mmCIF file of all heavy atoms, coordinates in Angstrom:
data_MODEL
# 
_entry.id   MODEL 
# 
loop_
_atom_site.group_PDB 
_atom_site.id 
_atom_site.type_symbol 
_atom_site.label_atom_id 
_atom_site.label_alt_id 
_atom_site.label_comp_id 
_atom_site.label_asym_id 
_atom_site.label_entity_id 
_atom_site.label_seq_id 
_atom_site.pdbx_PDB_ins_code 
_atom_site.Cartn_x 
_atom_site.Cartn_y 
_atom_site.Cartn_z 
_atom_site.occupancy 
_atom_site.B_iso_or_equiv 
_atom_site.pdbx_formal_charge 
_atom_site.auth_seq_id 
_atom_site.auth_comp_id 
_atom_site.auth_asym_id 
_atom_site.auth_atom_id 
_atom_site.pdbx_PDB_model_num 
ATOM 1   N N   . VAL A 1 1  ? -136.414 -64.370 59.947 1.00 0.00 ? 1  VAL A N   1 
ATOM 2   C CA  . VAL A 1 1  ? -135.600 -64.661 61.120 1.00 0.00 ? 1  VAL A CA  1 
ATOM 3   C C   . VAL A 1 1  ? -136.428 -65.486 62.105 1.00 0.00 ? 1  VAL A C   1 
ATOM 4   O O   . VAL A 1 1  ? -137.615 -65.210 62.327 1.00 0.00 ? 1  VAL A O   1 
ATOM 5   C CB  . VAL A 1 1  ? -135.110 -63.353 61.780 1.00 0.00 ? 1  VAL A CB  1 
ATOM 6   C CG1 . VAL A 1 1  ? -134.321 -63.651 63.045 1.00 0.00 ? 1  VAL A CG1 1 
ATOM 7   C CG2 . VAL A 1 1  ? -134.247 -62.564 60.791 1.00 0.00 ? 1  VAL A CG2 1 
ATOM 8   N N   . VAL A 1 2  ? -135.800 -66.495 62.687 1.00 0.00 ? 2  VAL A N   1 
ATOM 9   C CA  . VAL A 1 2  ? -136.490 -67.378 63.631 1.00 0.00 ? 2  VAL A CA  1 
ATOM 10  C C   . VAL A 1 2  ? -137.173 -66.556 64.723 1.00 0.00 ? 2  VAL A C   1 
ATOM 11  O O   . VAL A 1 2  ? -136.577 -65.647 65.302 1.00 0.00 ? 2  VAL A O   1 
ATOM 12  C CB  . VAL A 1 2  ? -135.490 -68.370 64.270 1.00 0.00 ? 2  VAL A CB  1 
ATOM 13  C CG1 . VAL A 1 2  ? -136.155 -69.141 65.405 1.00 0.00 ? 2  VAL A CG1 1 
ATOM 14  C CG2 . VAL A 1 2  ? -134.956 -69.339 63.221 1.00 0.00 ? 2  VAL A CG2 1 
ATOM 15  N N   . GLY A 1 3  ? -138.435 -66.888 64.983 1.00 0.00 ? 3  GLY A N   1 
ATOM 16  C CA  . GLY A 1 3  ? -139.202 -66.171 65.995 1.00 0.00 ? 3  GLY A CA  1 
ATOM 17  C C   . GLY A 1 3  ? -140.188 -65.193 65.409 1.00 0.00 ? 3  GLY A C   1 
ATOM 18  O O   . GLY A 1 3  ? -141.085 -64.717 66.102 1.00 0.00 ? 3  GLY A O   1 
ATOM 19  N N   . GLY A 1 4  ? -140.052 -64.883 64.124 1.00 0.00 ? 4  GLY A N   1 
ATOM 20  C CA  . GLY A 1 4  ? -140.987 -63.964 63.477 1.00 0.00 ? 4  GLY A CA  1 
ATOM 21  C C   . GLY A 1 4  ? -142.324 -64.625 63.217 1.00 0.00 ? 4  GLY A C   1 
ATOM 22  O O   . GLY A 1 4  ? -142.420 -65.846 63.042 1.00 0.00 ? 4  GLY A O   1 
ATOM 23  N N   . GLU A 1 5  ? -143.386 -63.812 63.166 1.00 0.00 ? 5  GLU A N   1 
ATOM 24  C CA  . GLU A 1 5  ? -144.743 -64.320 62.974 1.00 0.00 ? 5  GLU A CA  1 
ATOM 25  C C   . GLU A 1 5  ? -145.190 -64.077 61.539 1.00 0.00 ? 5  GLU A C   1 
ATOM 26  O O   . GLU A 1 5  ? -145.202 -62.952 61.054 1.00 0.00 ? 5  GLU A O   1 
ATOM 27  C CB  . GLU A 1 5  ? -145.703 -63.627 63.952 1.00 0.00 ? 5  GLU A CB  1 
ATOM 28  C CG  . GLU A 1 5  ? -147.113 -64.171 63.897 1.00 0.00 ? 5  GLU A CG  1 
ATOM 29  C CD  . GLU A 1 5  ? -148.014 -63.528 64.941 1.00 0.00 ? 5  GLU A CD  1 
ATOM 30  O OE1 . GLU A 1 5  ? -147.482 -62.956 65.915 1.00 0.00 ? 5  GLU A OE1 1 
ATOM 31  O OE2 . GLU A 1 5  ? -149.245 -63.582 64.772 1.00 0.00 ? 5  GLU A OE2 1 
ATOM 32  N N   . HIS A 1 6  ? -145.594 -65.160 60.865 1.00 0.00 ? 6  HIS A N   1 
ATOM 33  C CA  . HIS A 1 6  ? -146.006 -65.116 59.463 1.00 0.00 ? 6  HIS A CA  1 
ATOM 34  C C   . HIS A 1 6  ? -147.320 -64.383 59.260 1.00 0.00 ? 6  HIS A C   1 
ATOM 35  O O   . HIS A 1 6  ? -148.148 -64.287 60.171 1.00 0.00 ? 6  HIS A O   1 
ATOM 36  C CB  . HIS A 1 6  ? -146.202 -66.541 58.936 1.00 0.00 ? 6  HIS A CB  1 
ATOM 37  C CG  . HIS A 1 6  ? -144.945 -67.240 58.536 1.00 0.00 ? 6  HIS A CG  1 
ATOM 38  N ND1 . HIS A 1 6  ? -144.241 -66.929 57.397 1.00 0.00 ? 6  HIS A ND1 1 
ATOM 39  C CD2 . HIS A 1 6  ? -144.272 -68.262 59.121 1.00 0.00 ? 6  HIS A CD2 1 
ATOM 40  C CE1 . HIS A 1 6  ? -143.193 -67.744 57.297 1.00 0.00 ? 6  HIS A CE1 1 
ATOM 41  N NE2 . HIS A 1 6  ? -143.184 -68.549 58.338 1.00 0.00 ? 6  HIS A NE2 1 
ATOM 42  N N   . SER A 1 7  ? -147.538 -63.927 58.025 1.00 0.00 ? 7  SER A N   1 
ATOM 43  C CA  . SER A 1 7  ? -148.856 -63.560 57.510 1.00 0.00 ? 7  SER A CA  1 
ATOM 44  C C   . SER A 1 7  ? -149.082 -64.386 56.250 1.00 0.00 ? 7  SER A C   1 
ATOM 45  O O   . SER A 1 7  ? -148.127 -64.893 55.653 1.00 0.00 ? 7  SER A O   1 
ATOM 46  C CB  . SER A 1 7  ? -148.936 -62.067 57.181 1.00 0.00 ? 7  SER A CB  1 
ATOM 47  O OG  . SER A 1 7  ? -148.732 -61.284 58.347 1.00 0.00 ? 7  SER A OG  1 
ATOM 48  N N   . ALA A 1 8  ? -150.336 -64.492 55.825 1.00 0.00 ? 8  ALA A N   1 
ATOM 49  C CA  . ALA A 1 8  ? -150.646 -65.345 54.670 1.00 0.00 ? 8  ALA A CA  1 
ATOM 50  C C   . ALA A 1 8  ? -150.174 -64.737 53.353 1.00 0.00 ? 8  ALA A C   1 
ATOM 51  O O   . ALA A 1 8  ? -150.085 -65.441 52.351 1.00 0.00 ? 8  ALA A O   1 
ATOM 52  C CB  . ALA A 1 8  ? -152.151 -65.604 54.608 1.00 0.00 ? 8  ALA A CB  1 
ATOM 53  N N   . SER A 1 9  ? -149.861 -63.439 53.344 1.00 0.00 ? 9  SER A N   1 
ATOM 54  C CA  . SER A 1 9  ? -149.535 -62.766 52.084 1.00 0.00 ? 9  SER A CA  1 
ATOM 55  C C   . SER A 1 9  ? -148.053 -62.782 51.742 1.00 0.00 ? 9  SER A C   1 
ATOM 56  O O   . SER A 1 9  ? -147.647 -62.235 50.717 1.00 0.00 ? 9  SER A O   1 
ATOM 57  C CB  . SER A 1 9  ? -150.035 -61.319 52.141 1.00 0.00 ? 9  SER A CB  1 
ATOM 58  O OG  . SER A 1 9  ? -149.446 -60.636 53.232 1.00 0.00 ? 9  SER A OG  1 
ATOM 59  N N   . GLU A 1 10 ? -147.214 -63.380 52.565 1.00 0.00 ? 10 GLU A N   1 
ATOM 60  C CA  . GLU A 1 10 ? -145.781 -63.415 52.295 1.00 0.00 ? 10 GLU A CA  1 
ATOM 61  C C   . GLU A 1 10 ? -145.436 -64.597 51.399 1.00 0.00 ? 10 GLU A C   1 
ATOM 62  O O   . GLU A 1 10 ? -145.954 -65.700 51.591 1.00 0.00 ? 10 GLU A O   1 
ATOM 63  C CB  . GLU A 1 10 ? -144.997 -63.516 53.607 1.00 0.00 ? 10 GLU A CB  1 
ATOM 64  C CG  . GLU A 1 10 ? -145.150 -62.306 54.486 1.00 0.00 ? 10 GLU A CG  1 
ATOM 65  C CD  . GLU A 1 10 ? -145.336 -62.661 55.945 1.00 0.00 ? 10 GLU A CD  1 
ATOM 66  O OE1 . GLU A 1 10 ? -145.201 -63.841 56.301 1.00 0.00 ? 10 GLU A OE1 1 
ATOM 67  O OE2 . GLU A 1 10 ? -145.655 -61.736 56.720 1.00 0.00 ? 10 GLU A OE2 1 
ATOM 68  N N   . GLN A 1 11 ? -144.569 -64.392 50.462 1.00 0.00 ? 11 GLN A N   1 
ATOM 69  C CA  . GLN A 1 11 ? -144.163 -65.461 49.554 1.00 0.00 ? 11 GLN A CA  1 
ATOM 70  C C   . GLN A 1 11 ? -143.270 -66.461 50.283 1.00 0.00 ? 11 GLN A C   1 
ATOM 71  O O   . GLN A 1 11 ? -142.394 -66.090 51.057 1.00 0.00 ? 11 GLN A O   1 
ATOM 72  C CB  . GLN A 1 11 ? -143.412 -64.867 48.361 1.00 0.00 ? 11 GLN A CB  1 
ATOM 73  C CG  . GLN A 1 11 ? -143.104 -65.883 47.260 1.00 0.00 ? 11 GLN A CG  1 
ATOM 74  C CD  . GLN A 1 11 ? -142.406 -65.214 46.093 1.00 0.00 ? 11 GLN A CD  1 
ATOM 75  O OE1 . GLN A 1 11 ? -141.241 -64.841 46.189 1.00 0.00 ? 11 GLN A OE1 1 
ATOM 76  N NE2 . GLN A 1 11 ? -143.111 -65.028 45.003 1.00 0.00 ? 11 GLN A NE2 1 
ATOM 77  N N   . ASP A 1 12 ? -143.525 -67.740 50.030 1.00 0.00 ? 12 ASP A N   1 
ATOM 78  C CA  . ASP A 1 12 ? -142.723 -68.801 50.630 1.00 0.00 ? 12 ASP A CA  1 
ATOM 79  C C   . ASP A 1 12 ? -141.298 -68.730 50.082 1.00 0.00 ? 12 ASP A C   1 
ATOM 80  O O   . ASP A 1 12 ? -141.089 -68.641 48.878 1.00 0.00 ? 12 ASP A O   1 
ATOM 81  C CB  . ASP A 1 12 ? -143.348 -70.153 50.272 1.00 0.00 ? 12 ASP A CB  1 
ATOM 82  C CG  . ASP A 1 12 ? -142.733 -71.315 51.029 1.00 0.00 ? 12 ASP A CG  1 
ATOM 83  O OD1 . ASP A 1 12 ? -141.738 -71.095 51.734 1.00 0.00 ? 12 ASP A OD1 1 
ATOM 84  O OD2 . ASP A 1 12 ? -143.246 -72.439 50.899 1.00 0.00 ? 12 ASP A OD2 1 
ATOM 85  N N   . ILE A 1 13 ? -140.306 -68.763 50.978 1.00 0.00 ? 13 ILE A N   1 
ATOM 86  C CA  . ILE A 1 13 ? -138.902 -68.728 50.527 1.00 0.00 ? 13 ILE A CA  1 
ATOM 87  C C   . ILE A 1 13 ? -138.156 -69.981 50.995 1.00 0.00 ? 13 ILE A C   1 
ATOM 88  O O   . ILE A 1 13 ? -136.953 -69.946 51.244 1.00 0.00 ? 13 ILE A O   1 
ATOM 89  C CB  . ILE A 1 13 ? -138.178 -67.454 51.014 1.00 0.00 ? 13 ILE A CB  1 
ATOM 90  C CG1 . ILE A 1 13 ? -138.243 -67.310 52.542 1.00 0.00 ? 13 ILE A CG1 1 
ATOM 91  C CG2 . ILE A 1 13 ? -138.750 -66.223 50.342 1.00 0.00 ? 13 ILE A CG2 1 
ATOM 92  C CD1 . ILE A 1 13 ? -137.364 -66.186 53.092 1.00 0.00 ? 13 ILE A CD1 1 
ATOM 93  N N   . HIS A 1 14 ? -138.892 -71.100 51.156 1.00 0.00 ? 14 HIS A N   1 
ATOM 94  C CA  . HIS A 1 14 ? -138.232 -72.339 51.565 1.00 0.00 ? 14 HIS A CA  1 
ATOM 95  C C   . HIS A 1 14 ? -137.158 -72.734 50.563 1.00 0.00 ? 14 HIS A C   1 
ATOM 96  O O   . HIS A 1 14 ? -137.374 -72.710 49.350 1.00 0.00 ? 14 HIS A O   1 
ATOM 97  C CB  . HIS A 1 14 ? -139.245 -73.488 51.651 1.00 0.00 ? 14 HIS A CB  1 
ATOM 98  C CG  . HIS A 1 14 ? -139.967 -73.550 52.963 1.00 0.00 ? 14 HIS A CG  1 
ATOM 99  N ND1 . HIS A 1 14 ? -141.051 -72.749 53.239 1.00 0.00 ? 14 HIS A ND1 1 
ATOM 100 C CD2 . HIS A 1 14 ? -139.756 -74.307 54.069 1.00 0.00 ? 14 HIS A CD2 1 
ATOM 101 C CE1 . HIS A 1 14 ? -141.487 -73.017 54.465 1.00 0.00 ? 14 HIS A CE1 1 
ATOM 102 N NE2 . HIS A 1 14 ? -140.720 -73.952 54.983 1.00 0.00 ? 14 HIS A NE2 1 
ATOM 103 N N   . ILE A 1 15 ? -136.019 -73.071 51.066 1.00 0.00 ? 15 ILE A N   1 
ATOM 104 C CA  . ILE A 1 15 ? -134.934 -73.643 50.263 1.00 0.00 ? 15 ILE A CA  1 
ATOM 105 C C   . ILE A 1 15 ? -134.469 -74.888 51.004 1.00 0.00 ? 15 ILE A C   1 
ATOM 106 O O   . ILE A 1 15 ? -134.007 -74.797 52.147 1.00 0.00 ? 15 ILE A O   1 
ATOM 107 C CB  . ILE A 1 15 ? -133.750 -72.676 50.071 1.00 0.00 ? 15 ILE A CB  1 
ATOM 108 C CG1 . ILE A 1 15 ? -134.179 -71.445 49.261 1.00 0.00 ? 15 ILE A CG1 1 
ATOM 109 C CG2 . ILE A 1 15 ? -132.580 -73.365 49.408 1.00 0.00 ? 15 ILE A CG2 1 
ATOM 110 C CD1 . ILE A 1 15 ? -134.483 -71.725 47.814 1.00 0.00 ? 15 ILE A CD1 1 
ATOM 111 N N   . GLY A 1 16 ? -134.591 -76.044 50.367 1.00 0.00 ? 16 GLY A N   1 
ATOM 112 C CA  . GLY A 1 16 ? -134.169 -77.267 51.031 1.00 0.00 ? 16 GLY A CA  1 
ATOM 113 C C   . GLY A 1 16 ? -134.955 -77.556 52.289 1.00 0.00 ? 16 GLY A C   1 
ATOM 114 O O   . GLY A 1 16 ? -134.449 -78.153 53.230 1.00 0.00 ? 16 GLY A O   1 
ATOM 115 N N   . GLY A 1 17 ? -136.221 -77.078 52.338 1.00 0.00 ? 17 GLY A N   1 
ATOM 116 C CA  . GLY A 1 17 ? -137.061 -77.337 53.499 1.00 0.00 ? 17 GLY A CA  1 
ATOM 117 C C   . GLY A 1 17 ? -136.891 -76.341 54.625 1.00 0.00 ? 17 GLY A C   1 
ATOM 118 O O   . GLY A 1 17 ? -137.575 -76.413 55.628 1.00 0.00 ? 17 GLY A O   1 
ATOM 119 N N   . VAL A 1 18 ? -135.978 -75.367 54.483 1.00 0.00 ? 18 VAL A N   1 
ATOM 120 C CA  . VAL A 1 18 ? -135.725 -74.402 55.555 1.00 0.00 ? 18 VAL A CA  1 
ATOM 121 C C   . VAL A 1 18 ? -135.865 -72.996 54.987 1.00 0.00 ? 18 VAL A C   1 
ATOM 122 O O   . VAL A 1 18 ? -135.284 -72.669 53.959 1.00 0.00 ? 18 VAL A O   1 
ATOM 123 C CB  . VAL A 1 18 ? -134.318 -74.581 56.155 1.00 0.00 ? 18 VAL A CB  1 
ATOM 124 C CG1 . VAL A 1 18 ? -134.058 -73.537 57.232 1.00 0.00 ? 18 VAL A CG1 1 
ATOM 125 C CG2 . VAL A 1 18 ? -134.161 -75.987 56.723 1.00 0.00 ? 18 VAL A CG2 1 
ATOM 126 N N   . ASP A 1 19 ? -136.653 -72.139 55.659 1.00 0.00 ? 19 ASP A N   1 
ATOM 127 C CA  . ASP A 1 19 ? -136.829 -70.776 55.173 1.00 0.00 ? 19 ASP A CA  1 
ATOM 128 C C   . ASP A 1 19 ? -136.316 -69.725 56.143 1.00 0.00 ? 19 ASP A C   1 
ATOM 129 O O   . ASP A 1 19 ? -136.396 -68.529 55.868 1.00 0.00 ? 19 ASP A O   1 
ATOM 130 C CB  . ASP A 1 19 ? -138.308 -70.498 54.875 1.00 0.00 ? 19 ASP A CB  1 
ATOM 131 C CG  . ASP A 1 19 ? -139.188 -70.591 56.117 1.00 0.00 ? 19 ASP A CG  1 
ATOM 132 O OD1 . ASP A 1 19 ? -138.679 -71.035 57.170 1.00 0.00 ? 19 ASP A OD1 1 
ATOM 133 O OD2 . ASP A 1 19 ? -140.374 -70.234 56.034 1.00 0.00 ? 19 ASP A OD2 1 
ATOM 134 N N   . SER A 1 20 ? -135.797 -70.143 57.288 1.00 0.00 ? 20 SER A N   1 
ATOM 135 C CA  . SER A 1 20 ? -135.462 -69.183 58.336 1.00 0.00 ? 20 SER A CA  1 
ATOM 136 C C   . SER A 1 20 ? -133.965 -69.162 58.638 1.00 0.00 ? 20 SER A C   1 
ATOM 137 O O   . SER A 1 20 ? -133.230 -70.088 58.302 1.00 0.00 ? 20 SER A O   1 
ATOM 138 C CB  . SER A 1 20 ? -136.228 -69.519 59.619 1.00 0.00 ? 20 SER A CB  1 
ATOM 139 O OG  . SER A 1 20 ? -135.898 -70.824 60.066 1.00 0.00 ? 20 SER A OG  1 
ATOM 140 N N   . VAL A 1 21 ? -133.556 -68.076 59.300 1.00 0.00 ? 21 VAL A N   1 
ATOM 141 C CA  . VAL A 1 21 ? -132.176 -67.941 59.759 1.00 0.00 ? 21 VAL A CA  1 
ATOM 142 C C   . VAL A 1 21 ? -132.207 -67.635 61.256 1.00 0.00 ? 21 VAL A C   1 
ATOM 143 O O   . VAL A 1 21 ? -133.122 -66.976 61.737 1.00 0.00 ? 21 VAL A O   1 
ATOM 144 C CB  . VAL A 1 21 ? -131.416 -66.833 59.001 1.00 0.00 ? 21 VAL A CB  1 
ATOM 145 C CG1 . VAL A 1 21 ? -131.323 -67.169 57.526 1.00 0.00 ? 21 VAL A CG1 1 
ATOM 146 C CG2 . VAL A 1 21 ? -132.073 -65.486 59.189 1.00 0.00 ? 21 VAL A CG2 1 
ATOM 147 N N   . PRO A 1 22 ? -131.223 -68.100 62.008 1.00 0.00 ? 22 PRO A N   1 
ATOM 148 C CA  . PRO A 1 22 ? -131.232 -67.864 63.458 1.00 0.00 ? 22 PRO A CA  1 
ATOM 149 C C   . PRO A 1 22 ? -130.886 -66.424 63.807 1.00 0.00 ? 22 PRO A C   1 
ATOM 150 O O   . PRO A 1 22 ? -130.132 -65.750 63.105 1.00 0.00 ? 22 PRO A O   1 
ATOM 151 C CB  . PRO A 1 22 ? -130.156 -68.826 63.973 1.00 0.00 ? 22 PRO A CB  1 
ATOM 152 C CG  . PRO A 1 22 ? -129.252 -69.066 62.809 1.00 0.00 ? 22 PRO A CG  1 
ATOM 153 C CD  . PRO A 1 22 ? -130.116 -68.987 61.584 1.00 0.00 ? 22 PRO A CD  1 
ATOM 154 N N   . VAL A 1 23 ? -131.459 -65.961 64.913 1.00 0.00 ? 23 VAL A N   1 
ATOM 155 C CA  . VAL A 1 23 ? -131.183 -64.617 65.416 1.00 0.00 ? 23 VAL A CA  1 
ATOM 156 C C   . VAL A 1 23 ? -129.692 -64.424 65.681 1.00 0.00 ? 23 VAL A C   1 
ATOM 157 O O   . VAL A 1 23 ? -129.138 -63.339 65.458 1.00 0.00 ? 23 VAL A O   1 
ATOM 158 C CB  . VAL A 1 23 ? -131.998 -64.381 66.711 1.00 0.00 ? 23 VAL A CB  1 
ATOM 159 C CG1 . VAL A 1 23 ? -131.543 -63.109 67.410 1.00 0.00 ? 23 VAL A CG1 1 
ATOM 160 C CG2 . VAL A 1 23 ? -133.481 -64.325 66.410 1.00 0.00 ? 23 VAL A CG2 1 
ATOM 161 N N   . SER A 1 24 ? -129.035 -65.479 66.138 1.00 0.00 ? 24 SER A N   1 
ATOM 162 C CA  . SER A 1 24 ? -127.634 -65.370 66.553 1.00 0.00 ? 24 SER A CA  1 
ATOM 163 C C   . SER A 1 24 ? -126.705 -64.914 65.429 1.00 0.00 ? 24 SER A C   1 
ATOM 164 O O   . SER A 1 24 ? -125.626 -64.372 65.693 1.00 0.00 ? 24 SER A O   1 
ATOM 165 C CB  . SER A 1 24 ? -127.147 -66.716 67.099 1.00 0.00 ? 24 SER A CB  1 
ATOM 166 O OG  . SER A 1 24 ? -127.299 -67.738 66.127 1.00 0.00 ? 24 SER A OG  1 
ATOM 167 N N   . LEU A 1 25 ? -127.105 -65.112 64.164 1.00 0.00 ? 25 LEU A N   1 
ATOM 168 C CA  . LEU A 1 25 ? -126.255 -64.679 63.048 1.00 0.00 ? 25 LEU A CA  1 
ATOM 169 C C   . LEU A 1 25 ? -125.967 -63.179 63.116 1.00 0.00 ? 25 LEU A C   1 
ATOM 170 O O   . LEU A 1 25 ? -124.908 -62.712 62.702 1.00 0.00 ? 25 LEU A O   1 
ATOM 171 C CB  . LEU A 1 25 ? -126.936 -64.989 61.710 1.00 0.00 ? 25 LEU A CB  1 
ATOM 172 C CG  . LEU A 1 25 ? -126.845 -66.400 61.137 1.00 0.00 ? 25 LEU A CG  1 
ATOM 173 C CD1 . LEU A 1 25 ? -127.448 -66.419 59.742 1.00 0.00 ? 25 LEU A CD1 1 
ATOM 174 C CD2 . LEU A 1 25 ? -125.419 -66.901 61.096 1.00 0.00 ? 25 LEU A CD2 1 
ATOM 175 N N   . PHE A 1 26 ? -126.941 -62.415 63.604 1.00 0.00 ? 26 PHE A N   1 
ATOM 176 C CA  . PHE A 1 26 ? -126.822 -60.961 63.579 1.00 0.00 ? 26 PHE A CA  1 
ATOM 177 C C   . PHE A 1 26 ? -126.101 -60.391 64.805 1.00 0.00 ? 26 PHE A C   1 
ATOM 178 O O   . PHE A 1 26 ? -125.874 -59.185 64.876 1.00 0.00 ? 26 PHE A O   1 
ATOM 179 C CB  . PHE A 1 26 ? -128.213 -60.336 63.473 1.00 0.00 ? 26 PHE A CB  1 
ATOM 180 C CG  . PHE A 1 26 ? -128.919 -60.653 62.177 1.00 0.00 ? 26 PHE A CG  1 
ATOM 181 C CD1 . PHE A 1 26 ? -129.691 -61.805 62.049 1.00 0.00 ? 26 PHE A CD1 1 
ATOM 182 C CD2 . PHE A 1 26 ? -128.801 -59.817 61.082 1.00 0.00 ? 26 PHE A CD2 1 
ATOM 183 C CE1 . PHE A 1 26 ? -130.335 -62.104 60.865 1.00 0.00 ? 26 PHE A CE1 1 
ATOM 184 C CE2 . PHE A 1 26 ? -129.442 -60.107 59.889 1.00 0.00 ? 26 PHE A CE2 1 
ATOM 185 C CZ  . PHE A 1 26 ? -130.212 -61.260 59.777 1.00 0.00 ? 26 PHE A CZ  1 
ATOM 186 N N   . ASP A 1 27 ? -125.763 -61.240 65.756 1.00 0.00 ? 27 ASP A N   1 
ATOM 187 C CA  . ASP A 1 27 ? -125.096 -60.775 66.971 1.00 0.00 ? 27 ASP A CA  1 
ATOM 188 C C   . ASP A 1 27 ? -123.586 -60.735 66.726 1.00 0.00 ? 27 ASP A C   1 
ATOM 189 O O   . ASP A 1 27 ? -122.827 -61.580 67.205 1.00 0.00 ? 27 ASP A O   1 
ATOM 190 C CB  . ASP A 1 27 ? -125.445 -61.687 68.149 1.00 0.00 ? 27 ASP A CB  1 
ATOM 191 C CG  . ASP A 1 27 ? -124.984 -61.107 69.483 1.00 0.00 ? 27 ASP A CG  1 
ATOM 192 O OD1 . ASP A 1 27 ? -124.546 -59.936 69.505 1.00 0.00 ? 27 ASP A OD1 1 
ATOM 193 O OD2 . ASP A 1 27 ? -125.058 -61.827 70.493 1.00 0.00 ? 27 ASP A OD2 1 
ATOM 194 N N   . LEU A 1 28 ? -123.157 -59.740 65.959 1.00 0.00 ? 28 LEU A N   1 
ATOM 195 C CA  . LEU A 1 28 ? -121.746 -59.610 65.598 1.00 0.00 ? 28 LEU A CA  1 
ATOM 196 C C   . LEU A 1 28 ? -120.990 -58.919 66.731 1.00 0.00 ? 28 LEU A C   1 
ATOM 197 O O   . LEU A 1 28 ? -121.455 -57.909 67.272 1.00 0.00 ? 28 LEU A O   1 
ATOM 198 C CB  . LEU A 1 28 ? -121.604 -58.799 64.311 1.00 0.00 ? 28 LEU A CB  1 
ATOM 199 C CG  . LEU A 1 28 ? -122.415 -59.283 63.099 1.00 0.00 ? 28 LEU A CG  1 
ATOM 200 C CD1 . LEU A 1 28 ? -122.115 -58.409 61.887 1.00 0.00 ? 28 LEU A CD1 1 
ATOM 201 C CD2 . LEU A 1 28 ? -122.119 -60.745 62.795 1.00 0.00 ? 28 LEU A CD2 1 
# 
């Protein structure tokens, strides 16, 4: 989620150059 802080041990999940989702998606 946008705004989160990476660590080096997390697997890259880039798809089409973008790996993140906006916080606003969860504000239902």
